[in-house]
C-alpha cells in the first residue's frame, strides 16, 4: 500500500481529522498506521539481514496496547520471539527500524525507552518469563511499574499465543505470591489529585503547563489502574480497559456503574483535544477554555475514577484476606 514512511505520515495528516471524533475509529486508524509502518520496516530489515530467524510477534503497550490513544501518541512497543537468545540481535535491528519508521510517521519516541529497540523489551518468550519473575521478586517501584507496562499489551502482528504464554506466567507468579497484589496497588496509587478540598479543579504548577489540567494523570489513571489490578487478580489477559470492564463485570458487578463514566472521559478528551498540535499538548487541557458545565462534568468524572479505584482496592483487600 505504501512505499515509504513519509507516505504513511502524509496519510496520517490527510485522514486524522475524519476519524478524530470517534475513539474507536481513531484507534483503528492508529493500528493501521503502525501496521503499515511495521510492514515497511520488516521489508527493509529482510532486504539487509534476511528473513527472521524465529517466529515473533510485535506488540503494543501503554495507551496503544489499551486502544486508548488520542490524536497524538508516543511509542510503546516490544517484540517477543520463539527462539534462542542469539536471535535477539536480528530483532533488535528490526525494533530500531520500526521505531525509526514510527517517528517519521508521527509517533514520538518513548522518553522511557519502552520500545522494541531496547533489549529489555525485545526478548524470547522464555526470557520474558524470567524477567517477569525477576520483576515481581524484586518488588521495587520501577520493577513493578515495568511489569504493569508489559501487562497492558496486545499483539499488533504475529502470534498472539506468545504474549498469552507470557501473561499466564504473570498470573501463576501472582497466585503463588498473593501479597504482591497489595504491592501493585501501592504502585498504582501514585495518582495526581485533580479536585481540591473545596471542589476546585487543580491545575498544573510545572513550568510550561500552568493553568492546565493533565487529563491523563488526573482523570484516566484511576480507571485504568483499577481495571488493571482486577484483571491481574482474575487472570484476564485482555489489555483494553473497555474489554476489561466487560469481562470483569461478571466477577465484580460494581464496576458496571463506572463503565459509562470511562466512555464519557474518552469522548471528553476528543472533544477538546482532537485539534492538539503535538503529543506534549494532547493530555493538557487549559482551564480557561472550558465551559462551566464541562468543568462540572470533568470534576464528576475525576471523582468517579477515584471512587472506582478505592472500591477496587477495598475488594482486592477483602479477597486477599479470605
C-alpha atoms as a PDB file:
ATOM      1  CA  UNK A   1       0.000   0.000   0.000  1.00  0.00           C
ATOM      2  CA  UNK A   2       2.784   2.433   0.956  1.00  0.00           C
ATOM      3  CA  UNK A   3       6.421   2.521  -0.146  1.00  0.00           C
ATOM      4  CA  UNK A   4       7.898   4.923   2.418  1.00  0.00           C
ATOM      5  CA  UNK A   5       7.382   6.145   5.979  1.00  0.00           C
ATOM      6  CA  UNK A   6       6.837   9.662   4.620  1.00  0.00           C
ATOM      7  CA  UNK A   7       3.840   8.402   2.639  1.00  0.00           C
ATOM      8  CA  UNK A   8       2.382   6.988   5.869  1.00  0.00           C
ATOM      9  CA  UNK A   9       2.947  10.342   7.577  1.00  0.00           C
ATOM     10  CA  UNK A  10       1.118  12.095   4.752  1.00  0.00           C
ATOM     11  CA  UNK A  11      -1.771   9.608   5.004  1.00  0.00           C
ATOM     12  CA  UNK A  12      -1.962  10.351   8.703  1.00  0.00           C
ATOM     13  CA  UNK A  13      -2.182  14.095   8.107  1.00  0.00           C
ATOM     14  CA  UNK A  14      -4.846  13.702   5.422  1.00  0.00           C
ATOM     15  CA  UNK A  15      -7.026  11.231   7.357  1.00  0.00           C
ATOM     16  CA  UNK A  16      -6.717  12.030  11.067  1.00  0.00           C
ATOM     17  CA  UNK A  17      -9.363  14.759  11.002  1.00  0.00           C
ATOM     18  CA  UNK A  18     -12.001  12.394   9.633  1.00  0.00           C
ATOM     19  CA  UNK A  19     -11.563   9.815  12.430  1.00  0.00           C
ATOM     20  CA  UNK A  20     -10.819  12.092  15.400  1.00  0.00           C
ATOM     21  CA  UNK A  21     -14.439  12.342  16.601  1.00  0.00           C
ATOM     22  CA  UNK A  22     -14.778   8.648  17.477  1.00  0.00           C
ATOM     23  CA  UNK A  23     -12.265   6.907  19.762  1.00  0.00           C
ATOM     24  CA  UNK A  24     -12.979   3.501  18.173  1.00  0.00           C
ATOM     25  CA  UNK A  25     -12.337   4.736  14.625  1.00  0.00           C
ATOM     26  CA  UNK A  26      -9.358   6.736  15.848  1.00  0.00           C
ATOM     27  CA  UNK A  27      -7.653   3.746  17.466  1.00  0.00           C
ATOM     28  CA  UNK A  28      -8.397   1.501  14.489  1.00  0.00           C
ATOM     29  CA  UNK A  29      -6.683   4.125  12.333  1.00  0.00           C
ATOM     30  CA  UNK A  30      -3.659   4.205  14.653  1.00  0.00           C
ATOM     31  CA  UNK A  31      -3.436   0.417  14.312  1.00  0.00           C
ATOM     32  CA  UNK A  32      -3.397   0.730  10.535  1.00  0.00           C
ATOM     33  CA  UNK A  33      -0.739   3.450  10.613  1.00  0.00           C
ATOM     34  CA  UNK A  34       1.501   1.341  12.856  1.00  0.00           C
ATOM     35  CA  UNK A  35       0.847  -1.866  10.927  1.00  0.00           C
ATOM     36  CA  UNK A  36       1.832  -0.241   7.620  1.00  0.00           C
ATOM     37  CA  UNK A  37       4.974   1.158   9.278  1.00  0.00           C
ATOM     38  CA  UNK A  38       5.816  -2.305  10.633  1.00  0.00           C
ATOM     39  CA  UNK A  39       5.391  -3.829   7.169  1.00  0.00           C
ATOM     40  CA  UNK A  40       7.901  -1.411   5.595  1.00  0.00           C
ATOM     41  CA  UNK A  41      10.339  -1.928   8.497  1.00  0.00           C
ATOM     42  CA  UNK A  42      10.174  -5.710   8.056  1.00  0.00           C
ATOM     43  CA  UNK A  43      10.820  -5.419   4.327  1.00  0.00           C
ATOM     44  CA  UNK A  44      13.770  -3.095   4.990  1.00  0.00           C
ATOM     45  CA  UNK A  45      15.420  -5.423   7.523  1.00  0.00           C
ATOM     46  CA  UNK A  46      14.740  -8.554   5.458  1.00  0.00           C
ATOM     47  CA  UNK A  47      16.437  -6.946   2.451  1.00  0.00           C
ATOM     48  CA  UNK A  48      19.514  -6.256   4.616  1.00  0.00           C
ATOM     49  CA  UNK A  49      19.583  -9.139   7.104  1.00  0.00           C
ATOM     50  CA  UNK A  50      17.488 -11.879   5.527  1.00  0.00           C
ATOM     51  CA  UNK A  51      14.271 -13.420   6.905  1.00  0.00           C
ATOM     52  CA  UNK A  52      13.530 -13.521  10.665  1.00  0.00           C
ATOM     53  CA  UNK A  53      15.494 -16.299  12.440  1.00  0.00           C
ATOM     54  CA  UNK A  54      12.447 -17.272  14.540  1.00  0.00           C
ATOM     55  CA  UNK A  55       8.676 -16.736  14.701  1.00  0.00           C
ATOM     56  CA  UNK A  56       7.840 -13.498  16.507  1.00  0.00           C
ATOM     57  CA  UNK A  57       5.093 -11.081  17.462  1.00  0.00           C
ATOM     58  CA  UNK A  58       5.196  -7.286  17.536  1.00  0.00           C
ATOM     59  CA  UNK A  59       3.085  -5.924  20.374  1.00  0.00           C
ATOM     60  CA  UNK A  60       1.873  -2.553  21.641  1.00  0.00           C
ATOM     61  CA  UNK A  61       1.856  -1.302  25.241  1.00  0.00           C
ATOM     62  CA  UNK A  62       0.601   1.778  27.079  1.00  0.00           C
ATOM     63  CA  UNK A  63      -2.355   3.658  25.587  1.00  0.00           C
ATOM     64  CA  UNK A  64      -1.793   1.874  22.251  1.00  0.00           C
ATOM     65  CA  UNK A  65      -1.915  -1.503  23.999  1.00  0.00           C
ATOM     66  CA  UNK A  66      -5.188  -0.485  25.657  1.00  0.00           C
ATOM     67  CA  UNK A  67      -6.603   1.031  22.418  1.00  0.00           C
ATOM     68  CA  UNK A  68      -6.949   4.392  24.178  1.00  0.00           C
ATOM     69  CA  UNK A  69      -4.780   6.686  22.082  1.00  0.00           C
ATOM     70  CA  UNK A  70      -5.705  10.258  21.374  1.00  0.00           C
ATOM     71  CA  UNK A  71      -4.846  12.029  18.106  1.00  0.00           C
ATOM     72  CA  UNK A  72      -1.188  12.058  19.172  1.00  0.00           C
ATOM     73  CA  UNK A  73       0.639   9.206  20.861  1.00  0.00           C
ATOM     74  CA  UNK A  74       4.192   8.243  21.680  1.00  0.00           C
ATOM     75  CA  UNK A  75       5.759   4.852  21.058  1.00  0.00           C
ATOM     76  CA  UNK A  76       5.317   1.941  23.487  1.00  0.00           C
ATOM     77  CA  UNK A  77       6.059  -1.398  21.847  1.00  0.00           C
ATOM     78  CA  UNK A  78       8.014  -4.634  22.061  1.00  0.00           C
ATOM     79  CA  UNK A  79       8.952  -7.827  20.264  1.00  0.00           C
ATOM     80  CA  UNK A  80       8.583 -11.360  21.609  1.00  0.00           C
ATOM     81  CA  UNK A  81      10.083 -14.281  19.695  1.00  0.00           C
ATOM     82  CA  UNK A  82      10.081 -18.044  19.983  1.00  0.00           C
ATOM     83  CA  UNK A  83      13.748 -18.849  19.572  1.00  0.00           C
ATOM     84  CA  UNK A  84      17.221 -18.916  21.101  1.00  0.00           C
ATOM     85  CA  UNK A  85      18.858 -15.846  22.653  1.00  0.00           C
ATOM     86  CA  UNK A  86      21.203 -15.335  19.672  1.00  0.00           C
ATOM     87  CA  UNK A  87      18.126 -14.335  17.619  1.00  0.00           C
ATOM     88  CA  UNK A  88      17.828 -11.171  19.670  1.00  0.00           C
ATOM     89  CA  UNK A  89      20.332  -9.177  17.579  1.00  0.00           C
ATOM     90  CA  UNK A  90      18.155  -9.534  14.484  1.00  0.00           C
ATOM     91  CA  UNK A  91      15.009  -8.452  16.284  1.00  0.00           C
ATOM     92  CA  UNK A  92      16.755  -5.506  17.952  1.00  0.00           C
ATOM     93  CA  UNK A  93      17.658  -4.244  14.471  1.00  0.00           C
ATOM     94  CA  UNK A  94      14.046  -4.730  13.436  1.00  0.00           C
ATOM     95  CA  UNK A  95      12.901  -2.900  16.581  1.00  0.00           C
ATOM     96  CA  UNK A  96      15.219   0.028  15.816  1.00  0.00           C
ATOM     97  CA  UNK A  97      13.894   0.227  12.240  1.00  0.00           C
ATOM     98  CA  UNK A  98      10.275   0.128  13.463  1.00  0.00           C
ATOM     99  CA  UNK A  99      10.991   2.907  15.960  1.00  0.00           C
ATOM    100  CA  UNK A 100      12.677   4.978  13.246  1.00  0.00           C
ATOM    101  CA  UNK A 101       9.709   4.485  10.927  1.00  0.00           C
ATOM    102  CA  UNK A 102       7.123   5.297  13.580  1.00  0.00           C
ATOM    103  CA  UNK A 103       8.961   8.524  14.455  1.00  0.00           C
ATOM    104  CA  UNK A 104       8.681   9.634  10.815  1.00  0.00           C
ATOM    105  CA  UNK A 105       5.025   8.551  10.729  1.00  0.00           C
ATOM    106  CA  UNK A 106       4.236  10.882  13.650  1.00  0.00           C
ATOM    107  CA  UNK A 107       4.832   8.857  16.839  1.00  0.00           C
ATOM    108  CA  UNK A 108       7.391  10.374  19.203  1.00  0.00           C
ATOM    109  CA  UNK A 109       9.976   8.005  20.604  1.00  0.00           C
ATOM    110  CA  UNK A 110       9.238   6.958  24.171  1.00  0.00           C
ATOM    111  CA  UNK A 111      11.158   9.009  26.745  1.00  0.00           C
ATOM    112  CA  UNK A 112      11.394   5.936  28.948  1.00  0.00           C
ATOM    113  CA  UNK A 113      12.766   3.859  26.028  1.00  0.00           C
ATOM    114  CA  UNK A 114       9.854   1.385  26.140  1.00  0.00           C
ATOM    115  CA  UNK A 115      10.494   0.291  22.568  1.00  0.00           C
ATOM    116  CA  UNK A 116      11.477  -2.872  20.716  1.00  0.00           C
ATOM    117  CA  UNK A 117      14.904  -1.330  20.027  1.00  0.00           C
ATOM    118  CA  UNK A 118      15.675  -1.755  23.755  1.00  0.00           C
ATOM    119  CA  UNK A 119      16.838  -5.281  24.827  1.00  0.00           C
ATOM    120  CA  UNK A 120      14.509  -5.007  27.838  1.00  0.00           C
ATOM    121  CA  UNK A 121      11.506  -5.023  25.504  1.00  0.00           C
ATOM    122  CA  UNK A 122      12.837  -7.364  22.803  1.00  0.00           C
ATOM    123  CA  UNK A 123      13.209 -10.904  24.128  1.00  0.00           C
ATOM    124  CA  UNK A 124      12.400 -14.559  23.687  1.00  0.00           C
ATOM    125  CA  UNK A 125       9.297 -15.967  25.372  1.00  0.00           C
ATOM    126  CA  UNK A 126      11.419 -17.733  27.991  1.00  0.00           C
ATOM    127  CA  UNK A 127      13.478 -14.620  28.651  1.00  0.00           C
ATOM    128  CA  UNK A 128      10.328 -12.547  29.185  1.00  0.00           C
ATOM    129  CA  UNK A 129       9.011 -15.161  31.611  1.00  0.00           C
ATOM    130  CA  UNK A 130      12.225 -14.974  33.619  1.00  0.00           C
ATOM    131  CA  UNK A 131      12.107 -11.165  33.513  1.00  0.00           C
ATOM    132  CA  UNK A 132       8.550 -11.191  34.891  1.00  0.00           C
ATOM    133  CA  UNK A 133       9.625 -13.487  37.722  1.00  0.00           C
ATOM    134  CA  UNK A 134      12.588 -11.202  38.489  1.00  0.00           C
ATOM    135  CA  UNK A 135      10.491  -8.023  38.419  1.00  0.00           C
ATOM    136  CA  UNK A 136       7.889  -9.454  40.780  1.00  0.00           C
ATOM    137  CA  UNK A 137      10.535 -10.912  43.098  1.00  0.00           C
ATOM    138  CA  UNK A 138      12.323  -7.562  43.253  1.00  0.00           C
ATOM    139  CA  UNK A 139       9.095  -5.708  44.190  1.00  0.00           C
ATOM    140  CA  UNK A 140      10.698  -2.284  43.646  1.00  0.00           C
ATOM    141  CA  UNK A 141       8.662   0.663  42.401  1.00  0.00           C
ATOM    142  CA  UNK A 142      10.394   0.569  38.998  1.00  0.00           C
ATOM    143  CA  UNK A 143      10.231  -3.214  38.555  1.00  0.00           C
ATOM    144  CA  UNK A 144       6.500  -3.269  39.337  1.00  0.00           C
ATOM    145  CA  UNK A 145       5.975  -0.337  37.003  1.00  0.00           C
ATOM    146  CA  UNK A 146       7.774  -2.214  34.217  1.00  0.00           C
ATOM    147  CA  UNK A 147       5.601  -5.233  34.932  1.00  0.00           C
ATOM    148  CA  UNK A 148       2.371  -3.211  34.700  1.00  0.00           C
ATOM    149  CA  UNK A 149       3.544  -1.592  31.433  1.00  0.00           C
ATOM    150  CA  UNK A 150       4.164  -5.040  29.965  1.00  0.00           C
ATOM    151  CA  UNK A 151       0.800  -6.343  31.145  1.00  0.00           C
ATOM    152  CA  UNK A 152      -1.105  -3.629  29.223  1.00  0.00           C
ATOM    153  CA  UNK A 153      -0.104  -5.205  25.917  1.00  0.00           C
ATOM    154  CA  UNK A 154      -1.695  -6.667  22.809  1.00  0.00           C
ATOM    155  CA  UNK A 155      -0.246  -8.127  19.621  1.00  0.00           C
ATOM    156  CA  UNK A 156      -0.470  -5.930  16.519  1.00  0.00           C
ATOM    157  CA  UNK A 157       1.087  -8.525  14.221  1.00  0.00           C
ATOM    158  CA  UNK A 158       2.297 -12.076  14.776  1.00  0.00           C
ATOM    159  CA  UNK A 159       1.394 -14.995  17.013  1.00  0.00           C
ATOM    160  CA  UNK A 160      -0.879 -13.844  19.862  1.00  0.00           C
ATOM    161  CA  UNK A 161      -0.143 -17.049  21.771  1.00  0.00           C
ATOM    162  CA  UNK A 162       3.405 -15.809  22.536  1.00  0.00           C
ATOM    163  CA  UNK A 163       2.041 -12.903  24.563  1.00  0.00           C
ATOM    164  CA  UNK A 164      -0.594 -15.101  26.221  1.00  0.00           C
ATOM    165  CA  UNK A 165       2.071 -17.532  27.407  1.00  0.00           C
ATOM    166  CA  UNK A 166       3.936 -14.642  28.973  1.00  0.00           C
ATOM    167  CA  UNK A 167       0.802 -13.327  30.705  1.00  0.00           C
ATOM    168  CA  UNK A 168      -0.054 -16.776  32.056  1.00  0.00           C
ATOM    169  CA  UNK A 169       3.329 -16.715  33.753  1.00  0.00           C
ATOM    170  CA  UNK A 170       2.318 -13.433  35.433  1.00  0.00           C
ATOM    171  CA  UNK A 171      -0.914 -14.952  36.751  1.00  0.00           C
ATOM    172  CA  UNK A 172       0.933 -18.018  38.094  1.00  0.00           C
ATOM    173  CA  UNK A 173       3.532 -15.926  39.969  1.00  0.00           C
ATOM    174  CA  UNK A 174       0.847 -13.684  41.498  1.00  0.00           C
ATOM    175  CA  UNK A 175      -1.208 -16.673  42.579  1.00  0.00           C
ATOM    176  CA  UNK A 176       1.841 -18.108  44.365  1.00  0.00           C
ATOM    177  CA  UNK A 177       2.699 -14.740  45.959  1.00  0.00           C
ATOM    178  CA  UNK A 178      -0.663 -13.031  46.707  1.00  0.00           C
ATOM    179  CA  UNK A 179       0.979 -10.323  48.832  1.00  0.00           C
ATOM    180  CA  UNK A 180       2.123  -8.809  45.522  1.00  0.00           C
ATOM    181  CA  UNK A 181      -1.402  -7.560  44.798  1.00  0.00           C
ATOM    182  CA  UNK A 182      -1.181  -5.023  47.616  1.00  0.00           C
ATOM    183  CA  UNK A 183       2.305  -4.018  46.442  1.00  0.00           C
ATOM    184  CA  UNK A 184       0.906  -3.432  42.949  1.00  0.00           C
ATOM    185  CA  UNK A 185      -1.985  -1.390  44.347  1.00  0.00           C
ATOM    186  CA  UNK A 186       0.536   0.791  46.194  1.00  0.00           C
ATOM    187  CA  UNK A 187       2.463   1.169  42.942  1.00  0.00           C
ATOM    188  CA  UNK A 188      -0.672   2.246  41.052  1.00  0.00           C
ATOM    189  CA  UNK A 189      -1.779   4.647  43.776  1.00  0.00           C
ATOM    190  CA  UNK A 190       0.518   7.477  42.730  1.00  0.00           C
ATOM    191  CA  UNK A 191      -2.348   9.420  41.181  1.00  0.00           C
ATOM    192  CA  UNK A 192      -2.244  13.182  40.786  1.00  0.00           C
ATOM    193  CA  UNK A 193      -5.121  14.902  42.567  1.00  0.00           C
ATOM    194  CA  UNK A 194      -7.479  16.596  40.144  1.00  0.00           C
ATOM    195  CA  UNK A 195     -10.020  18.104  42.545  1.00  0.00           C
ATOM    196  CA  UNK A 196      -9.169  20.120  45.652  1.00  0.00           C
ATOM    197  CA  UNK A 197     -10.791  20.051  49.100  1.00  0.00           C
ATOM    198  CA  UNK A 198     -13.060  22.953  48.117  1.00  0.00           C
ATOM    199  CA  UNK A 199     -14.219  21.205  44.937  1.00  0.00           C
ATOM    200  CA  UNK A 200     -11.968  23.209  42.629  1.00  0.00           C
ATOM    201  CA  UNK A 201     -10.115  21.683  39.668  1.00  0.00           C
ATOM    202  CA  UNK A 202      -6.386  21.579  40.430  1.00  0.00           C
ATOM    203  CA  UNK A 203      -4.212  22.815  37.576  1.00  0.00           C
ATOM    204  CA  UNK A 204      -0.560  22.053  36.829  1.00  0.00           C
ATOM    205  CA  UNK A 205       2.168  24.048  38.542  1.00  0.00           C
ATOM    206  CA  UNK A 206       5.003  22.711  36.392  1.00  0.00           C
ATOM    207  CA  UNK A 207       6.791  25.109  34.048  1.00  0.00           C
ATOM    208  CA  UNK A 208       5.017  25.478  30.707  1.00  0.00           C
ATOM    209  CA  UNK A 209       1.839  23.791  31.996  1.00  0.00           C
ATOM    210  CA  UNK A 210       0.482  26.340  34.469  1.00  0.00           C
ATOM    211  CA  UNK A 211      -3.267  26.801  34.328  1.00  0.00           C
ATOM    212  CA  UNK A 212      -3.716  23.454  32.574  1.00  0.00           C
ATOM    213  CA  UNK A 213      -5.134  20.135  33.775  1.00  0.00           C
ATOM    214  CA  UNK A 214      -3.242  16.942  32.945  1.00  0.00           C
ATOM    215  CA  UNK A 215      -6.155  14.737  31.852  1.00  0.00           C
ATOM    216  CA  UNK A 216      -4.145  11.521  31.695  1.00  0.00           C
ATOM    217  CA  UNK A 217      -2.628  11.791  35.163  1.00  0.00           C
ATOM    218  CA  UNK A 218      -5.665  13.155  36.998  1.00  0.00           C
ATOM    219  CA  UNK A 219      -8.635  11.571  35.214  1.00  0.00           C
ATOM    220  CA  UNK A 220      -7.555   8.466  33.265  1.00  0.00           C
ATOM    221  CA  UNK A 221      -5.140   6.691  35.548  1.00  0.00           C
ATOM    222  CA  UNK A 222      -7.644   5.826  38.322  1.00  0.00           C
ATOM    223  CA  UNK A 223      -9.900   3.968  35.854  1.00  0.00           C
ATOM    224  CA  UNK A 224      -7.025   2.264  34.031  1.00  0.00           C
ATOM    225  CA  UNK A 225      -5.217   1.240  37.214  1.00  0.00           C
ATOM    226  CA  UNK A 226      -8.368  -0.090  38.883  1.00  0.00           C
ATOM    227  CA  UNK A 227      -9.258  -2.317  35.941  1.00  0.00           C
ATOM    228  CA  UNK A 228      -5.652  -3.488  35.538  1.00  0.00           C
ATOM    229  CA  UNK A 229      -5.342  -4.728  39.110  1.00  0.00           C
ATOM    230  CA  UNK A 230      -8.717  -6.527  38.913  1.00  0.00           C
ATOM    231  CA  UNK A 231      -7.654  -8.089  35.578  1.00  0.00           C
ATOM    232  CA  UNK A 232      -4.483  -9.371  37.209  1.00  0.00           C
ATOM    233  CA  UNK A 233      -6.478 -10.834  40.087  1.00  0.00           C
ATOM    234  CA  UNK A 234      -8.886 -12.672  37.796  1.00  0.00           C
ATOM    235  CA  UNK A 235      -6.363 -13.741  35.157  1.00  0.00           C
ATOM    236  CA  UNK A 236      -7.859 -11.601  32.392  1.00  0.00           C
ATOM    237  CA  UNK A 237      -5.316 -11.170  29.595  1.00  0.00           C
ATOM    238  CA  UNK A 238      -7.214  -8.531  27.550  1.00  0.00           C
ATOM    239  CA  UNK A 239      -5.485  -5.142  27.605  1.00  0.00           C
ATOM    240  CA  UNK A 240      -8.103  -2.519  26.587  1.00  0.00           C
ATOM    241  CA  UNK A 241      -9.818  -1.008  29.636  1.00  0.00           C
ATOM    242  CA  UNK A 242     -13.247  -1.296  27.970  1.00  0.00           C
ATOM    243  CA  UNK A 243     -12.653  -5.018  27.325  1.00  0.00           C
ATOM    244  CA  UNK A 244     -11.663  -5.437  30.955  1.00  0.00           C
ATOM    245  CA  UNK A 245     -14.879  -3.695  32.050  1.00  0.00           C
ATOM    246  CA  UNK A 246     -16.926  -6.144  30.004  1.00  0.00           C
ATOM    247  CA  UNK A 247     -15.096  -9.306  31.091  1.00  0.00           C
ATOM    248  CA  UNK A 248     -14.701  -8.382  34.760  1.00  0.00           C
ATOM    249  CA  UNK A 249     -18.300  -7.219  35.298  1.00  0.00           C
ATOM    250  CA  UNK A 250     -19.309 -10.868  35.879  1.00  0.00           C
ATOM    251  CA  UNK A 251     -16.876 -11.172  38.787  1.00  0.00           C
ATOM    252  CA  UNK A 252     -17.180  -7.580  40.019  1.00  0.00           C
ATOM    253  CA  UNK A 253     -20.704  -6.253  39.257  1.00  0.00           C
ATOM    254  CA  UNK A 254     -19.952  -2.931  40.992  1.00  0.00           C
ATOM    255  CA  UNK A 255     -17.698  -1.820  38.108  1.00  0.00           C
ATOM    256  CA  UNK A 256     -20.615  -1.694  35.634  1.00  0.00           C
ATOM    257  CA  UNK A 257     -21.691   1.631  37.109  1.00  0.00           C
ATOM    258  CA  UNK A 258     -18.350   3.185  36.083  1.00  0.00           C
ATOM    259  CA  UNK A 259     -18.005   1.961  32.510  1.00  0.00           C
ATOM    260  CA  UNK A 260     -20.108   4.768  31.079  1.00  0.00           C
ATOM    261  CA  UNK A 261     -18.022   7.321  33.005  1.00  0.00           C
ATOM    262  CA  UNK A 262     -14.900   5.988  31.314  1.00  0.00           C
ATOM    263  CA  UNK A 263     -16.547   6.195  27.891  1.00  0.00           C
ATOM    264  CA  UNK A 264     -17.544   9.797  28.645  1.00  0.00           C
ATOM    265  CA  UNK A 265     -13.943  10.534  29.548  1.00  0.00           C
ATOM    266  CA  UNK A 266     -12.697   9.155  26.220  1.00  0.00           C
ATOM    267  CA  UNK A 267     -15.192  11.364  24.392  1.00  0.00           C
ATOM    268  CA  UNK A 268     -14.451  14.364  26.605  1.00  0.00           C
ATOM    269  CA  UNK A 269     -10.774  14.268  25.651  1.00  0.00           C
ATOM    270  CA  UNK A 270     -11.505  14.040  21.937  1.00  0.00           C
ATOM    271  CA  UNK A 271     -13.948  16.915  22.091  1.00  0.00           C
ATOM    272  CA  UNK A 272     -11.274  19.210  23.462  1.00  0.00           C
ATOM    273  CA  UNK A 273      -8.029  17.735  22.151  1.00  0.00           C
ATOM    274  CA  UNK A 274      -8.717  16.481  18.619  1.00  0.00           C
ATOM    275  CA  UNK A 275      -7.040  19.654  17.306  1.00  0.00           C
ATOM    276  CA  UNK A 276      -3.935  19.267  19.518  1.00  0.00           C
ATOM    277  CA  UNK A 277      -0.751  20.072  17.597  1.00  0.00           C
ATOM    278  CA  UNK A 278       1.664  17.750  19.430  1.00  0.00           C
ATOM    279  CA  UNK A 279       1.934  14.769  21.773  1.00  0.00           C
ATOM    280  CA  UNK A 280       3.149  17.110  24.530  1.00  0.00           C
ATOM    281  CA  UNK A 281      -0.114  19.057  24.395  1.00  0.00           C
ATOM    282  CA  UNK A 282      -2.609  16.239  23.833  1.00  0.00           C
ATOM    283  CA  UNK A 283      -3.091  15.497  27.557  1.00  0.00           C
ATOM    284  CA  UNK A 284      -3.139  19.125  28.728  1.00  0.00           C
ATOM    285  CA  UNK A 285      -6.428  20.998  28.964  1.00  0.00           C
ATOM    286  CA  UNK A 286      -6.380  24.776  29.650  1.00  0.00           C
ATOM    287  CA  UNK A 287      -8.921  25.542  32.376  1.00  0.00           C
ATOM    288  CA  UNK A 288      -9.888  28.879  30.823  1.00  0.00           C
ATOM    289  CA  UNK A 289     -11.082  27.130  27.625  1.00  0.00           C
ATOM    290  CA  UNK A 290     -13.673  25.075  29.465  1.00  0.00           C
ATOM    291  CA  UNK A 291     -17.303  25.983  29.984  1.00  0.00           C
ATOM    292  CA  UNK A 292     -18.768  25.882  33.489  1.00  0.00           C
ATOM    293  CA  UNK A 293     -20.763  22.793  32.525  1.00  0.00           C
ATOM    294  CA  UNK A 294     -17.678  20.968  31.236  1.00  0.00           C
ATOM    295  CA  UNK A 295     -15.741  21.819  34.392  1.00  0.00           C
ATOM    296  CA  UNK A 296     -18.518  20.228  36.421  1.00  0.00           C
ATOM    297  CA  UNK A 297     -18.523  17.156  34.189  1.00  0.00           C
ATOM    298  CA  UNK A 298     -14.749  16.746  34.449  1.00  0.00           C
ATOM    299  CA  UNK A 299     -14.865  17.070  38.238  1.00  0.00           C
ATOM    300  CA  UNK A 300     -17.561  14.387  38.316  1.00  0.00           C
ATOM    301  CA  UNK A 301     -15.519  12.041  36.089  1.00  0.00           C
ATOM    302  CA  UNK A 302     -12.373  12.544  38.172  1.00  0.00           C
ATOM    303  CA  UNK A 303     -14.255  11.793  41.406  1.00  0.00           C
ATOM    304  CA  UNK A 304     -15.873   8.705  39.878  1.00  0.00           C
ATOM    305  CA  UNK A 305     -12.485   7.373  38.831  1.00  0.00           C
ATOM    306  CA  UNK A 306     -11.122   7.836  42.341  1.00  0.00           C
ATOM    307  CA  UNK A 307     -14.196   6.074  43.754  1.00  0.00           C
ATOM    308  CA  UNK A 308     -13.668   3.157  41.382  1.00  0.00           C
ATOM    309  CA  UNK A 309     -10.022   2.814  42.359  1.00  0.00           C
ATOM    310  CA  UNK A 310     -10.865   2.976  46.086  1.00  0.00           C
ATOM    311  CA  UNK A 311     -13.596   0.316  45.718  1.00  0.00           C
ATOM    312  CA  UNK A 312     -11.349  -1.940  43.647  1.00  0.00           C
ATOM    313  CA  UNK A 313      -8.611  -1.620  46.256  1.00  0.00           C
ATOM    314  CA  UNK A 314     -11.092  -2.472  49.029  1.00  0.00           C
ATOM    315  CA  UNK A 315     -12.460  -5.528  47.172  1.00  0.00           C
ATOM    316  CA  UNK A 316      -8.966  -6.784  46.495  1.00  0.00           C
ATOM    317  CA  UNK A 317      -8.077  -6.415  50.175  1.00  0.00           C
ATOM    318  CA  UNK A 318     -11.178  -8.382  51.194  1.00  0.00           C
ATOM    319  CA  UNK A 319     -10.397 -11.183  48.720  1.00  0.00           C
ATOM    320  CA  UNK A 320      -6.782 -11.366  49.871  1.00  0.00           C
ATOM    321  CA  UNK A 321      -7.835 -11.768  53.490  1.00  0.00           C
ATOM    322  CA  UNK A 322     -10.135 -14.733  52.807  1.00  0.00           C
END
